[in-house]
Protein backbone atom coordinates (compact mmCIF):
# COMPACT_ATOMS: atom_id res chain seq x y z
CA MET A 1 -213.08 -83.79 41.65
CA PRO A 2 -216.56 -85.01 42.42
CA GLY A 3 -216.06 -88.53 43.61
CA LEU A 4 -213.59 -88.05 46.40
CA GLY A 5 -216.17 -87.72 49.14
CA LEU A 6 -215.38 -87.07 52.81
CA THR A 7 -211.83 -88.39 52.62
CA GLY A 8 -211.04 -85.93 49.87
CA ILE A 9 -212.34 -83.11 52.01
CA TYR A 10 -210.25 -84.25 54.98
CA GLY A 11 -207.17 -84.48 52.76
CA ALA A 12 -207.73 -80.99 51.35
CA VAL A 13 -208.07 -79.58 54.90
CA ILE A 14 -204.78 -81.22 55.92
CA VAL A 15 -202.94 -79.98 52.82
CA GLY A 16 -204.42 -76.49 53.29
CA GLY A 17 -203.28 -76.43 56.90
CA LEU A 18 -199.75 -77.51 55.97
CA PHE A 19 -199.68 -74.87 53.23
CA GLY A 20 -200.84 -72.24 55.73
CA LEU A 21 -198.08 -73.16 58.11
CA MET A 22 -195.47 -72.87 55.39
CA VAL A 23 -196.74 -69.50 54.14
CA ALA A 24 -197.24 -67.88 57.58
CA PRO A 25 -193.59 -66.88 58.14
CA VAL A 26 -193.44 -65.27 54.71
CA MET A 27 -196.70 -63.36 55.24
CA GLN A 28 -195.34 -62.01 58.57
CA HIS A 29 -192.81 -59.98 56.59
CA ALA A 30 -195.32 -58.95 53.87
CA LEU A 31 -197.77 -57.37 56.34
CA ARG A 32 -196.07 -54.01 56.02
CA PHE A 33 -197.34 -53.77 52.43
CA PHE A 34 -200.98 -54.04 53.59
CA PRO A 35 -201.88 -50.91 55.57
CA SER A 36 -205.29 -50.61 57.16
CA ILE A 37 -206.71 -48.62 54.26
CA VAL A 38 -205.93 -51.42 51.86
CA THR A 39 -207.31 -54.09 54.14
CA GLY A 40 -210.46 -52.10 54.85
CA THR A 41 -211.08 -51.42 51.16
CA ILE A 42 -210.75 -55.10 50.31
CA ILE A 43 -213.11 -56.23 53.06
CA THR A 44 -215.60 -53.53 52.05
CA MET A 45 -215.57 -54.67 48.41
CA ILE A 46 -216.11 -58.26 49.45
CA GLY A 47 -219.07 -57.21 51.59
CA ILE A 48 -220.61 -55.12 48.77
CA SER A 49 -220.30 -57.99 46.31
CA LEU A 50 -222.01 -60.35 48.76
CA MET A 51 -224.94 -57.98 49.38
CA ARG A 52 -226.94 -59.31 46.45
CA VAL A 53 -226.73 -62.82 47.85
CA GLY A 54 -228.00 -61.61 51.22
CA ILE A 55 -230.82 -59.67 49.66
CA ALA A 56 -231.89 -62.68 47.56
CA TRP A 57 -231.87 -64.87 50.65
CA ALA A 58 -233.82 -62.30 52.68
CA GLY A 59 -236.52 -62.40 50.01
CA GLY A 60 -236.87 -66.18 50.26
CA GLY A 61 -234.40 -67.25 47.60
CA ALA A 62 -234.17 -66.12 43.96
CA ALA A 63 -236.31 -69.08 42.75
CA ALA A 64 -239.11 -68.62 45.30
CA ALA A 65 -242.53 -68.14 43.78
CA ASP A 66 -243.50 -65.77 46.58
CA PHE A 67 -240.21 -63.81 46.59
CA GLY A 68 -240.29 -60.90 48.97
CA ALA A 69 -243.26 -62.19 51.01
CA GLY A 70 -243.76 -60.61 54.42
CA GLY A 71 -242.78 -63.76 56.29
CA TYR A 72 -239.40 -63.90 54.67
CA LEU A 73 -238.71 -60.20 55.19
CA THR A 74 -239.83 -60.41 58.82
CA ILE A 75 -237.41 -63.26 59.60
CA ALA A 76 -234.64 -61.40 57.80
CA ALA A 77 -235.35 -58.27 59.87
CA LEU A 78 -235.39 -60.28 63.09
CA VAL A 79 -232.05 -61.89 62.24
CA LEU A 80 -230.57 -58.48 61.37
CA CYS A 81 -231.79 -57.04 64.67
CA LEU A 82 -230.31 -59.94 66.62
CA ILE A 83 -226.98 -59.59 64.90
CA CYS A 84 -226.70 -55.88 65.47
């Protein structure tokens, strides 16, 4: 709801934390249903779906008039090199 402001965000964080505390014991027993192949596949699919966002940002943003300019790509390459 758009009018709650910062207090709404704080309330949502508190409620989310309490929910996480309540669900944690149940998830402990459900971990056996999620082998590493399932977890790895899900994380890979999330990464692949986010690639287009990263590519658009590396080009300067989808709405940029000079999309794909050398400056944008140089900064993106530097960031990639620093991360790796």
